[in-house]
Amino acid sequence: MAPLTRIPQLRTLTGNWYFLPVSVTLLSILFLLSTGDKLAESPIFAVSIAVTIAAVALMLIDLRLAVLLFVAFLLAYEEFNLTSEQAFVEENIKGTVMAVKIFGFALMDVISLVLLLPVLLREWSRAVETGRWRWLRADWLLLPLAIVWLYGMIPGAMNMHSRGDFTWDLRMLLHVLVFYFIFSRTFTTRRDYLYALIVAGAVFLAKHAVFFFRYLTGGGLHTGSYHRVLLGSDLPLTALALALTVAALLLFRRSRHEHRHGSQMQHWALLALAAYFSVMLIAGLGKLSYLQAAYSLIMIFLLHLREIHYRTVAAVIAFGFVASLVVFFTVLPAEGRDTILYALSSAFNWWDALKLYGDLSFGTRFLEIVNVWAVLMRDNAVLWGLGWGAAWREIAISMPWDGGAFGAEEQFEGVHIQTHIDALTFMLKVGVAGMLVIYASILRFWITALRMYHRQHSTWEKWVLMALMLMIIIFAPNYLYFIRLKYLLGFALAGVAVFAGTDDAYPTTHTGLPDSHNAQ
């Protein structure tokens, strides 16, 4: 991909040898002068500024490198100062990069704009030169989602709870759309997505090593027998990592005969990764993560049903089980073991969760469904919704007080903007029709990827497509309140679009599931 400096309108200026160092230096000085007091107060702010400056500098050199840096940042930006119980309790999310603001704007929005502008400039320049705007083959799959996003503004202008709530809701799908555009126009080859996934996986593993060290040294938050060292949306990512390691075991197994020693090392390394993420999955104590891991593994096994060796499956299960037992009996204290046993024994006992209203589980979500449906019925808005920024109220049943579910002011007033189920939030904002369009649009990307997966002959391309499909089915129904999940969903959709655009025999029917065992 050509760097930003090849845009014709900028060639005269950027042709000078001193343009790049002078530009980066001036930008750095401007940032440091305008934020010097905050740099001294907070290391988190210093890290944020460093990442922003690096993104701008790399953008001027090669936009692909800047976006790769952002992919790495996405997997690490939430936890920086949660090294002690005091920081976890007193600062919590306020002490993370996610809460940093630059000139009154969220850091993630600033970086999004920094990456979006050069992509728009380059696409505009290309359109001027060729006389037409460039469209990817799969762009039309995203058009229904974009139309729903625009539609939600109309009723939202009349029903918004506040202007801030309106813009907050707009950002939910806007981030997906923006990063679909950035990634699909920056990472233009299949190998780009392989590199991006490798970078993301390396950062994710390194971050988990920090978590493990933090746990062993007593950092994080202690609440009775529960010792928490993670904050944010890592649980679905852990489920994704587990599914990908198992997929890699299946996809790379056949190369063992060609390079026996190297492939055996790879085989054992992947088994170790599967065991590690099995431990992380259990330690996360998340019902949703268990469910996501289960249906992801089912999808993998269905695609490779006739080529799976039972000894491979047994090896994965055995490694995960043994590793979990070792951690359980050697690392965890007695209180931690009791917590794990309790969580596993009641992991899917959702009826008790409803009765006891415990741990933001099924009870919260069930009562949200009751109230949102009552609001939509009262306003005759079941089909079309109330628009972005609209609120729901506890008109059917009062929500029990829960400090972790909503803000104190929300609970006192009984007025809420979001729910803990994305589908329910979309139903409130754009109605049943809009909700179905959103998920149908995303599902089309998944089906497109599934069709292409059946025909791939390259092992690494099959692995990348598998990763993109898993990201879609894990992140799309997840709680997109987490900023990182919006961006990664956009990344996954963009990857499918690039694969489709470089596919010579793009089919219109047949997913390939019945005869997927023939895939090489």
Protein backbone atom coordinates (compact mmCIF):
# COMPACT_ATOMS: atom_id res chain seq x y z
CA MET A 1 0.00 0.00 0.00
CA ALA A 2 1.33 3.43 -0.90
CA PRO A 3 2.13 5.77 2.00
CA LEU A 4 0.12 8.90 2.60
CA THR A 5 2.88 11.01 1.08
CA ARG A 6 2.00 9.68 -2.40
CA ILE A 7 -1.29 11.55 -2.52
CA PRO A 8 -0.88 13.89 -5.54
CA GLN A 9 -2.08 16.97 -3.67
CA LEU A 10 0.70 16.53 -1.12
CA ARG A 11 3.58 15.57 -3.42
CA THR A 12 5.04 19.06 -3.74
CA LEU A 13 5.28 19.56 0.00
CA THR A 14 6.28 16.04 0.92
CA GLY A 15 8.90 15.82 -1.80
CA ASN A 16 11.31 17.71 0.44
CA TRP A 17 13.59 15.47 2.51
CA TYR A 18 12.95 17.44 5.68
CA PHE A 19 9.16 17.14 5.58
CA LEU A 20 8.80 14.00 7.67
CA PRO A 21 11.20 14.76 10.55
CA VAL A 22 10.03 18.36 10.78
CA SER A 23 6.34 17.36 10.76
CA VAL A 24 6.77 14.72 13.46
CA THR A 25 8.87 17.05 15.60
CA LEU A 26 6.36 19.90 15.36
CA LEU A 27 3.43 17.61 16.14
CA SER A 28 5.27 16.16 19.12
CA ILE A 29 6.14 19.59 20.48
CA LEU A 30 2.55 20.77 20.03
CA PHE A 31 1.20 17.78 21.94
CA LEU A 32 3.75 18.08 24.72
CA LEU A 33 3.20 21.82 25.17
CA SER A 34 -0.58 21.51 25.24
CA THR A 35 -0.65 18.55 27.63
CA GLY A 36 2.48 19.00 29.72
CA ASP A 37 0.69 19.29 33.06
CA LYS A 38 -1.29 16.09 32.50
CA LEU A 39 1.82 14.21 31.37
CA ALA A 40 3.34 14.88 34.77
CA GLU A 41 0.21 13.79 36.61
CA SER A 42 -0.56 10.49 34.93
CA PRO A 43 1.57 7.78 33.28
CA ILE A 44 -1.58 6.59 31.53
CA PHE A 45 -1.90 9.93 29.78
CA ALA A 46 1.78 9.81 28.83
CA VAL A 47 1.30 6.38 27.23
CA SER A 48 -1.77 7.65 25.39
CA ILE A 49 0.09 10.65 23.98
CA ALA A 50 3.01 8.44 22.96
CA VAL A 51 0.68 6.09 21.07
CA THR A 52 -1.07 9.00 19.36
CA ILE A 53 2.20 10.60 18.25
CA ALA A 54 3.49 7.23 17.04
CA ALA A 55 0.27 6.67 15.06
CA VAL A 56 0.65 10.06 13.36
CA ALA A 57 4.34 9.47 12.60
CA LEU A 58 3.73 6.01 11.16
CA MET A 59 0.75 7.34 9.20
CA LEU A 60 3.09 9.73 7.38
CA ILE A 61 5.50 6.88 6.61
CA ASP A 62 3.19 3.96 5.89
CA LEU A 63 -0.43 3.84 6.94
CA ARG A 64 -0.35 0.05 7.19
CA LEU A 65 2.23 0.25 9.99
CA ALA A 66 0.10 2.82 11.83
CA VAL A 67 -2.95 0.55 11.69
CA LEU A 68 -0.85 -2.44 12.85
CA LEU A 69 0.22 -0.36 15.84
CA PHE A 70 -3.42 0.37 16.55
CA VAL A 71 -4.31 -3.33 16.38
CA ALA A 72 -1.66 -4.00 19.02
CA PHE A 73 -2.95 -1.11 21.12
CA LEU A 74 -6.52 -2.45 20.93
CA LEU A 75 -5.47 -5.60 22.74
CA ALA A 76 -3.65 -3.77 25.55
CA TYR A 77 -5.19 -0.36 26.11
CA GLU A 78 -7.57 -1.03 28.99
CA GLU A 79 -5.19 -1.99 31.81
CA PHE A 80 -2.14 0.10 32.61
CA ASN A 81 -2.24 1.15 36.25
CA LEU A 82 -4.34 -1.57 37.85
CA THR A 83 -1.28 -2.90 39.65
CA SER A 84 -2.67 -2.66 43.16
CA GLU A 85 -5.94 -3.16 44.98
CA GLN A 86 -6.08 0.55 45.78
CA ALA A 87 -5.75 1.50 42.11
CA PHE A 88 -8.35 -1.08 41.12
CA VAL A 89 -10.89 0.10 43.71
CA GLU A 90 -10.31 3.87 43.60
CA GLU A 91 -9.56 4.38 39.93
CA ASN A 92 -11.03 1.33 38.16
CA ILE A 93 -12.00 2.27 34.62
CA LYS A 94 -11.05 5.91 35.27
CA GLY A 95 -7.46 4.80 35.65
CA THR A 96 -7.23 3.19 32.23
CA VAL A 97 -6.32 4.47 28.81
CA MET A 98 -9.94 4.02 27.74
CA ALA A 99 -10.93 6.96 29.95
CA VAL A 100 -8.21 9.33 28.71
CA LYS A 101 -9.38 12.44 26.88
CA ILE A 102 -7.34 14.67 24.57
CA PHE A 103 -8.62 18.23 24.24
CA GLY A 104 -11.97 17.05 25.61
CA PHE A 105 -12.32 14.13 23.19
CA ALA A 106 -11.91 10.44 23.99
CA LEU A 107 -8.48 9.09 23.04
CA MET A 108 -9.99 6.26 21.00
CA ASP A 109 -12.07 8.73 18.98
CA VAL A 110 -8.99 10.89 18.34
CA ILE A 111 -6.95 7.93 17.09
CA SER A 112 -9.92 6.80 15.00
CA LEU A 113 -10.01 10.22 13.34
CA VAL A 114 -6.23 10.24 12.87
CA LEU A 115 -6.45 6.94 10.97
CA LEU A 116 -9.66 7.75 9.09
CA LEU A 117 -8.61 11.07 7.55
CA PRO A 118 -5.66 9.78 5.49
CA VAL A 119 -7.74 6.84 4.26
CA LEU A 120 -10.48 9.23 3.13
CA LEU A 121 -7.93 11.52 1.47
CA ARG A 122 -6.33 8.66 -0.42
CA GLU A 123 -9.68 7.22 -1.54
CA TRP A 124 -10.79 10.67 -2.67
CA SER A 125 -7.52 11.13 -4.58
CA ARG A 126 -7.99 7.74 -6.25
CA ALA A 127 -11.56 8.69 -7.19
CA VAL A 128 -10.36 11.95 -8.76
CA GLU A 129 -7.71 10.13 -10.80
CA THR A 130 -9.93 7.26 -11.98
CA GLY A 131 -13.23 9.12 -12.20
CA ARG A 132 -15.09 6.75 -9.89
CA TRP A 133 -15.22 5.83 -6.21
CA ARG A 134 -13.69 2.47 -5.31
CA TRP A 135 -16.11 -0.16 -3.98
CA LEU A 136 -15.16 -3.56 -2.66
CA ARG A 137 -17.17 -6.58 -3.67
CA ALA A 138 -18.65 -7.08 -0.20
CA ASP A 139 -19.31 -3.40 0.62
CA TRP A 140 -22.94 -3.81 -0.36
CA LEU A 141 -23.36 -6.35 2.46
CA LEU A 142 -22.79 -3.50 4.92
CA LEU A 143 -25.17 -1.05 3.28
CA PRO A 144 -28.27 -2.26 5.22
CA LEU A 145 -26.43 -1.70 8.49
CA ALA A 146 -25.41 1.81 7.39
CA ILE A 147 -29.01 2.59 6.40
CA VAL A 148 -30.29 1.48 9.81
CA TRP A 149 -27.64 3.64 11.48
CA LEU A 150 -28.86 6.67 9.50
CA TYR A 151 -32.52 5.83 10.12
CA GLY A 152 -32.05 5.74 13.90
CA MET A 153 -31.25 9.47 13.86
CA ILE A 154 -34.76 10.42 12.74
CA PRO A 155 -36.85 9.17 15.70
CA GLY A 156 -33.85 9.77 17.95
CA ALA A 157 -34.00 13.50 17.23
CA MET A 158 -37.46 13.51 18.88
CA ASN A 159 -37.05 10.85 21.56
CA MET A 160 -33.46 11.30 22.77
CA HIS A 161 -32.98 11.45 26.52
CA SER A 162 -30.10 13.90 26.08
CA ARG A 163 -27.74 15.01 23.35
CA GLY A 164 -24.91 13.10 25.00
CA ASP A 165 -26.96 9.89 24.97
CA PHE A 166 -27.78 10.47 21.31
CA THR A 167 -24.11 10.77 20.29
CA TRP A 168 -23.17 7.82 22.53
CA ASP A 169 -25.65 5.57 20.75
CA LEU A 170 -24.51 6.78 17.36
CA ARG A 171 -20.99 5.64 18.18
CA MET A 172 -22.02 2.02 18.72
CA LEU A 173 -22.47 1.16 15.05
CA LEU A 174 -20.41 4.09 13.75
CA HIS A 175 -17.23 2.57 15.18
CA VAL A 176 -17.97 -0.69 13.37
CA LEU A 177 -18.57 1.16 10.09
CA VAL A 178 -15.53 3.42 10.43
CA PHE A 179 -13.13 0.63 11.19
CA TYR A 180 -14.55 -1.56 8.49
CA PHE A 181 -13.65 1.26 6.10
CA ILE A 182 -10.18 1.84 7.59
CA PHE A 183 -9.15 -1.81 7.70
CA SER A 184 -10.63 -2.78 4.31
CA ARG A 185 -8.82 0.13 2.57
CA THR A 186 -5.53 -0.29 4.47
CA PHE A 187 -5.07 -4.05 4.76
CA THR A 188 -5.65 -4.92 1.12
CA THR A 189 -4.14 -8.41 0.95
CA ARG A 190 -4.92 -11.61 2.78
CA ARG A 191 -1.42 -11.73 4.21
CA ASP A 192 -2.02 -8.31 5.84
CA TYR A 193 -4.71 -9.92 7.98
CA LEU A 194 -2.42 -12.79 8.91
CA TYR A 195 0.20 -10.30 10.16
CA ALA A 196 -2.44 -8.31 12.04
CA LEU A 197 -3.76 -11.44 13.76
CA ILE A 198 -0.22 -12.52 14.72
CA VAL A 199 0.46 -9.09 16.22
CA ALA A 200 -2.85 -9.15 18.10
CA GLY A 201 -2.19 -12.67 19.41
CA ALA A 202 1.33 -11.80 20.58
CA VAL A 203 0.11 -8.74 22.48
CA PHE A 204 -2.78 -10.70 23.96
CA LEU A 205 -0.41 -13.41 25.24
CA ALA A 206 2.01 -10.83 26.64
CA LYS A 207 -0.85 -9.07 28.43
CA HIS A 208 -2.00 -12.34 29.97
CA ALA A 209 1.53 -12.93 31.22
CA VAL A 210 1.29 -9.57 33.00
CA PHE A 211 -2.05 -10.63 34.48
CA PHE A 212 -0.55 -13.88 35.71
CA PHE A 213 2.39 -12.04 37.29
CA ARG A 214 -0.03 -9.57 38.86
CA TYR A 215 -2.04 -12.42 40.35
CA LEU A 216 1.02 -14.15 41.83
CA THR A 217 2.28 -10.86 43.35
CA GLY A 218 -1.06 -9.97 44.95
CA GLY A 219 -2.14 -7.16 42.59
CA GLY A 220 -5.64 -6.48 41.40
CA LEU A 221 -8.80 -6.55 43.45
CA HIS A 222 -9.59 -8.85 46.40
CA THR A 223 -13.27 -9.22 47.24
CA GLY A 224 -13.62 -11.96 49.81
CA SER A 225 -12.41 -15.13 48.15
CA TYR A 226 -12.46 -13.65 44.62
CA HIS A 227 -9.19 -12.25 43.31
CA ARG A 228 -9.68 -10.24 40.11
CA VAL A 229 -6.80 -9.10 37.91
CA LEU A 230 -8.66 -8.45 34.65
CA LEU A 231 -10.81 -5.49 33.74
CA GLY A 232 -12.83 -5.10 30.57
CA SER A 233 -13.72 -7.26 27.59
CA ASP A 234 -11.07 -9.99 27.71
CA LEU A 235 -13.46 -12.89 28.30
CA PRO A 236 -14.78 -13.14 24.73
CA LEU A 237 -11.20 -12.70 23.51
CA THR A 238 -10.15 -15.65 25.68
CA ALA A 239 -12.89 -17.77 24.15
CA LEU A 240 -11.68 -16.69 20.71
CA ALA A 241 -8.07 -17.57 21.52
CA LEU A 242 -9.09 -21.03 22.74
CA ALA A 243 -11.07 -21.71 19.57
CA LEU A 244 -8.23 -20.49 17.35
CA THR A 245 -5.64 -22.72 19.01
CA VAL A 246 -7.88 -25.74 18.47
CA ALA A 247 -8.47 -24.66 14.86
CA ALA A 248 -4.72 -24.38 14.36
CA LEU A 249 -4.24 -27.92 15.69
CA LEU A 250 -6.62 -29.21 13.04
CA LEU A 251 -5.48 -27.06 10.14
CA PHE A 252 -1.72 -27.43 10.54
CA ARG A 253 -1.69 -31.11 11.48
CA ARG A 254 -1.21 -32.35 7.90
CA SER A 255 2.14 -30.58 7.40
CA ARG A 256 3.76 -32.92 9.93
CA HIS A 257 4.85 -35.43 7.27
CA GLU A 258 6.68 -32.78 5.24
CA HIS A 259 8.65 -31.19 8.08
CA ARG A 260 8.36 -33.69 10.87
CA HIS A 261 10.51 -32.09 13.56
CA GLY A 262 9.31 -28.51 13.02
CA SER A 263 5.67 -29.49 12.78
CA GLN A 264 5.90 -31.62 15.93
CA MET A 265 7.21 -28.59 17.82
CA GLN A 266 4.34 -26.58 16.39
CA HIS A 267 1.90 -29.31 17.38
CA TRP A 268 3.11 -29.31 21.01
CA ALA A 269 3.18 -25.51 21.15
CA LEU A 270 -0.44 -25.36 20.00
CA LEU A 271 -1.44 -28.00 22.54
CA ALA A 272 0.22 -25.92 25.24
CA LEU A 273 -1.68 -22.83 24.05
CA ALA A 274 -4.95 -24.76 24.09
CA ALA A 275 -4.21 -25.86 27.65
CA TYR A 276 -3.31 -22.32 28.70
CA PHE A 277 -6.51 -20.80 27.36
CA SER A 278 -8.55 -23.62 28.86
CA VAL A 279 -7.19 -22.53 32.22
CA MET A 280 -7.93 -18.88 31.45
CA LEU A 281 -11.47 -19.79 30.37
CA ILE A 282 -12.17 -21.49 33.69
CA ALA A 283 -10.48 -18.74 35.70
CA GLY A 284 -12.64 -16.13 33.98
CA LEU A 285 -15.79 -17.54 35.63
CA GLY A 286 -17.87 -16.15 32.77
CA LYS A 287 -21.05 -17.93 31.68
CA LEU A 288 -21.01 -16.08 28.36
CA SER A 289 -17.40 -17.05 27.67
CA TYR A 290 -18.19 -20.73 28.33
CA LEU A 291 -21.09 -20.50 25.92
CA GLN A 292 -19.06 -18.66 23.27
CA ALA A 293 -16.21 -21.15 23.49
CA ALA A 294 -18.67 -24.03 23.20
CA TYR A 295 -20.46 -22.87 20.05
CA SER A 296 -17.16 -21.76 18.47
CA LEU A 297 -15.65 -25.22 19.00
CA ILE A 298 -18.83 -26.81 17.65
CA MET A 299 -18.49 -24.74 14.48
CA ILE A 300 -14.85 -25.81 14.08
CA PHE A 301 -15.69 -29.48 14.57
CA LEU A 302 -18.60 -29.34 12.10
CA LEU A 303 -16.31 -27.88 9.44
CA HIS A 304 -13.72 -30.62 9.98
CA LEU A 305 -15.85 -33.47 11.21
CA ARG A 306 -14.53 -36.16 8.89
CA GLU A 307 -10.87 -35.20 9.17
CA ILE A 308 -10.70 -34.86 12.95
CA HIS A 309 -8.76 -37.59 14.73
CA TYR A 310 -10.23 -38.46 18.09
CA ARG A 311 -6.74 -38.61 19.56
CA THR A 312 -6.30 -34.92 18.66
CA VAL A 313 -9.51 -34.02 20.44
CA ALA A 314 -8.53 -36.21 23.39
CA ALA A 315 -5.10 -34.57 23.51
CA VAL A 316 -6.61 -31.07 23.61
CA ILE A 317 -9.07 -32.04 26.34
CA ALA A 318 -6.39 -33.87 28.34
CA PHE A 319 -3.90 -31.01 28.14
CA GLY A 320 -6.51 -28.50 29.20
CA PHE A 321 -7.74 -30.68 32.04
CA VAL A 322 -4.27 -31.46 33.39
CA ALA A 323 -3.16 -27.82 33.15
CA SER A 324 -6.32 -26.71 34.95
CA LEU A 325 -5.73 -29.23 37.74
CA VAL A 326 -2.09 -28.14 38.15
CA VAL A 327 -3.10 -24.49 38.44
CA PHE A 328 -6.04 -25.37 40.68
CA PHE A 329 -3.96 -27.31 43.24
CA THR A 330 -0.62 -25.46 43.09
CA VAL A 331 -1.36 -21.80 42.36
CA LEU A 332 -4.81 -21.08 43.81
CA PRO A 333 -5.29 -20.56 47.54
CA ALA A 334 -8.03 -22.47 49.35
CA GLU A 335 -10.46 -19.55 49.04
CA GLY A 336 -9.82 -19.37 45.30
CA ARG A 337 -10.48 -23.08 44.90
CA ASP A 338 -13.78 -22.71 46.75
CA THR A 339 -14.77 -19.86 44.43
CA ILE A 340 -13.94 -21.87 41.32
CA LEU A 341 -15.88 -24.90 42.56
CA TYR A 342 -18.91 -22.76 43.38
CA ALA A 343 -18.78 -21.03 40.00
CA LEU A 344 -18.49 -24.30 38.08
CA SER A 345 -21.26 -25.96 40.05
CA SER A 346 -23.67 -23.11 39.33
CA ALA A 347 -22.30 -21.86 36.01
CA PHE A 348 -25.48 -22.47 34.03
CA ASN A 349 -28.02 -22.57 36.83
CA TRP A 350 -29.72 -19.51 35.42
CA TRP A 351 -33.02 -20.08 37.21
CA ASP A 352 -31.29 -19.67 40.57
CA ALA A 353 -29.55 -16.62 39.17
CA LEU A 354 -32.94 -15.17 38.32
CA LYS A 355 -34.28 -15.87 41.81
CA LEU A 356 -31.18 -14.70 43.64
CA TYR A 357 -30.39 -11.88 41.23
CA GLY A 358 -26.68 -12.55 41.49
CA ASP A 359 -23.61 -11.29 39.65
CA LEU A 360 -25.31 -9.35 36.83
CA SER A 361 -26.41 -12.63 35.35
CA PHE A 362 -29.68 -13.76 33.84
CA GLY A 363 -31.81 -11.84 36.33
CA THR A 364 -30.64 -8.42 35.16
CA ARG A 365 -31.13 -9.27 31.53
CA PHE A 366 -34.55 -10.83 32.05
CA LEU A 367 -35.89 -7.76 33.87
CA GLU A 368 -34.43 -5.50 31.16
CA ILE A 369 -36.34 -7.47 28.51
CA VAL A 370 -39.60 -7.08 30.45
CA ASN A 371 -39.21 -3.32 30.86
CA VAL A 372 -37.96 -2.56 27.33
CA TRP A 373 -40.82 -4.54 25.81
CA ALA A 374 -43.31 -2.66 27.99
CA VAL A 375 -41.88 0.70 26.86
CA LEU A 376 -42.02 -0.27 23.18
CA MET A 377 -45.60 -1.53 23.52
CA ARG A 378 -46.65 1.64 25.33
CA ASP A 379 -45.20 3.86 22.59
CA ASN A 380 -46.30 1.62 19.68
CA ALA A 381 -42.67 1.39 18.64
CA VAL A 382 -42.06 -2.37 18.57
CA LEU A 383 -41.42 -2.46 14.83
CA TRP A 384 -39.46 0.77 14.28
CA GLY A 385 -38.00 1.69 17.69
CA LEU A 386 -37.53 4.99 19.49
CA GLY A 387 -34.26 6.09 17.87
CA TRP A 388 -30.71 6.68 19.03
CA GLY A 389 -30.47 8.26 22.45
CA ALA A 390 -33.88 7.01 23.58
CA ALA A 391 -34.24 5.71 27.13
CA TRP A 392 -36.24 2.90 28.69
CA ARG A 393 -37.91 3.13 32.07
CA GLU A 394 -38.82 0.66 34.78
CA ILE A 395 -42.53 0.82 34.04
CA ALA A 396 -43.27 -2.90 34.26
CA ILE A 397 -41.09 -3.93 37.20
CA SER A 398 -38.57 -2.10 39.35
CA MET A 399 -34.97 -3.22 38.98
CA PRO A 400 -33.34 -4.31 42.27
CA TRP A 401 -30.44 -2.13 43.31
CA ASP A 402 -27.14 -3.34 41.90
CA GLY A 403 -24.08 -1.11 42.04
CA GLY A 404 -22.40 -2.93 39.19
CA ALA A 405 -25.28 -2.94 36.73
CA PHE A 406 -25.98 0.78 36.25
CA GLY A 407 -24.87 4.14 37.57
CA ALA A 408 -26.31 5.36 40.86
CA GLU A 409 -28.18 8.24 39.20
CA GLU A 410 -29.75 5.87 36.65
CA GLN A 411 -30.96 3.55 39.36
CA PHE A 412 -32.40 6.36 41.50
CA GLU A 413 -34.34 7.74 38.52
CA GLY A 414 -35.22 4.36 37.01
CA VAL A 415 -34.24 5.68 33.56
CA HIS A 416 -31.66 3.78 31.48
CA ILE A 417 -30.09 4.28 28.05
CA GLN A 418 -28.45 0.90 27.46
CA THR A 419 -29.15 -2.73 28.26
CA HIS A 420 -26.81 -5.68 28.83
CA ILE A 421 -27.99 -7.37 25.61
CA ASP A 422 -27.07 -5.71 22.32
CA ALA A 423 -30.05 -7.19 20.48
CA LEU A 424 -32.38 -5.69 23.10
CA THR A 425 -30.64 -2.30 22.83
CA PHE A 426 -31.02 -2.33 19.05
CA MET A 427 -34.67 -3.34 19.40
CA LEU A 428 -35.26 -0.34 21.68
CA LYS A 429 -33.49 2.09 19.35
CA VAL A 430 -34.42 0.88 15.84
CA GLY A 431 -37.17 -1.65 16.52
CA VAL A 432 -37.48 -5.32 15.66
CA ALA A 433 -37.07 -4.48 11.95
CA GLY A 434 -33.83 -2.60 12.50
CA MET A 435 -32.44 -5.25 14.84
CA LEU A 436 -33.07 -7.98 12.25
CA VAL A 437 -31.45 -5.91 9.50
CA ILE A 438 -28.33 -5.32 11.61
CA TYR A 439 -27.78 -8.97 12.41
CA ALA A 440 -28.77 -10.11 8.91
CA SER A 441 -26.13 -7.79 7.45
CA ILE A 442 -23.45 -9.17 9.78
CA LEU A 443 -24.62 -12.74 9.19
CA ARG A 444 -24.15 -12.27 5.43
CA PHE A 445 -20.46 -11.58 6.04
CA TRP A 446 -20.21 -14.78 8.08
CA ILE A 447 -21.92 -16.84 5.37
CA THR A 448 -19.67 -15.28 2.73
CA ALA A 449 -16.59 -16.25 4.75
CA LEU A 450 -17.95 -19.77 5.22
CA ARG A 451 -18.39 -20.21 1.47
CA MET A 452 -14.85 -19.05 0.78
CA TYR A 453 -13.42 -21.19 3.58
CA HIS A 454 -14.63 -24.30 1.81
CA ARG A 455 -12.53 -23.52 -1.27
CA GLN A 456 -9.25 -22.36 0.27
CA HIS A 457 -6.21 -24.53 -0.44
CA SER A 458 -3.68 -22.52 1.57
CA THR A 459 -3.53 -23.58 5.22
CA TRP A 460 -2.72 -20.14 6.57
CA GLU A 461 -5.55 -18.56 4.55
CA LYS A 462 -7.99 -21.08 6.00
CA TRP A 463 -6.72 -20.20 9.47
CA VAL A 464 -7.18 -16.45 8.89
CA LEU A 465 -10.70 -16.98 7.54
CA MET A 466 -11.48 -19.16 10.54
CA ALA A 467 -10.29 -16.35 12.82
CA LEU A 468 -12.49 -13.81 11.04
CA MET A 469 -15.54 -16.07 11.23
CA LEU A 470 -14.99 -16.69 14.94
CA MET A 471 -14.60 -12.97 15.61
CA ILE A 472 -17.92 -12.32 13.91
CA ILE A 473 -19.92 -14.96 15.77
CA ILE A 474 -18.30 -14.10 19.13
CA PHE A 475 -18.28 -10.30 18.94
CA ALA A 476 -21.47 -9.57 16.97
CA PRO A 477 -23.88 -10.79 19.71
CA ASN A 478 -21.61 -9.55 22.50
CA TYR A 479 -21.95 -6.40 24.56
CA LEU A 480 -20.63 -3.75 22.13
CA TYR A 481 -20.39 -1.25 24.96
CA PHE A 482 -16.75 -2.36 25.02
CA ILE A 483 -15.03 -0.13 22.49
CA ARG A 484 -12.47 -2.74 21.53
CA LEU A 485 -15.13 -5.21 20.41
CA LYS A 486 -16.63 -2.65 18.02
CA TYR A 487 -13.26 -2.12 16.37
CA LEU A 488 -12.45 -5.82 16.15
CA LEU A 489 -15.85 -6.56 14.65
CA GLY A 490 -15.11 -3.95 11.98
CA PHE A 491 -11.72 -5.61 11.46
CA ALA A 492 -13.35 -9.02 10.96
CA LEU A 493 -15.94 -7.72 8.49
CA ALA A 494 -13.21 -5.90 6.55
CA GLY A 495 -11.12 -9.07 6.37
CA VAL A 496 -14.01 -11.00 4.85
CA ALA A 497 -14.53 -8.19 2.32
CA VAL A 498 -10.88 -8.32 1.25
CA PHE A 499 -10.98 -12.11 0.94
CA ALA A 500 -14.12 -11.82 -1.17
CA GLY A 501 -12.56 -9.14 -3.37
CA THR A 502 -9.56 -11.36 -4.11
CA ASP A 503 -11.55 -14.52 -4.68
CA ASP A 504 -11.68 -15.56 -8.34
CA ALA A 505 -14.59 -18.00 -8.09
CA TYR A 506 -16.98 -16.21 -5.75
CA PRO A 507 -20.06 -18.47 -5.33
CA THR A 508 -23.64 -17.42 -4.80
CA THR A 509 -24.93 -20.60 -3.19
CA HIS A 510 -23.84 -23.50 -0.98
CA THR A 511 -21.93 -23.00 2.25
CA GLY A 512 -19.83 -26.13 1.91
CA LEU A 513 -20.72 -27.57 5.30
CA PRO A 514 -21.87 -31.03 4.06
CA ASP A 515 -18.63 -31.76 2.22
CA SER A 516 -16.19 -29.58 4.15
CA HIS A 517 -14.02 -32.63 4.78
CA ASN A 518 -12.76 -32.26 1.23
CA ALA A 519 -11.17 -28.90 2.01
CA GLN A 520 -7.41 -29.03 1.88
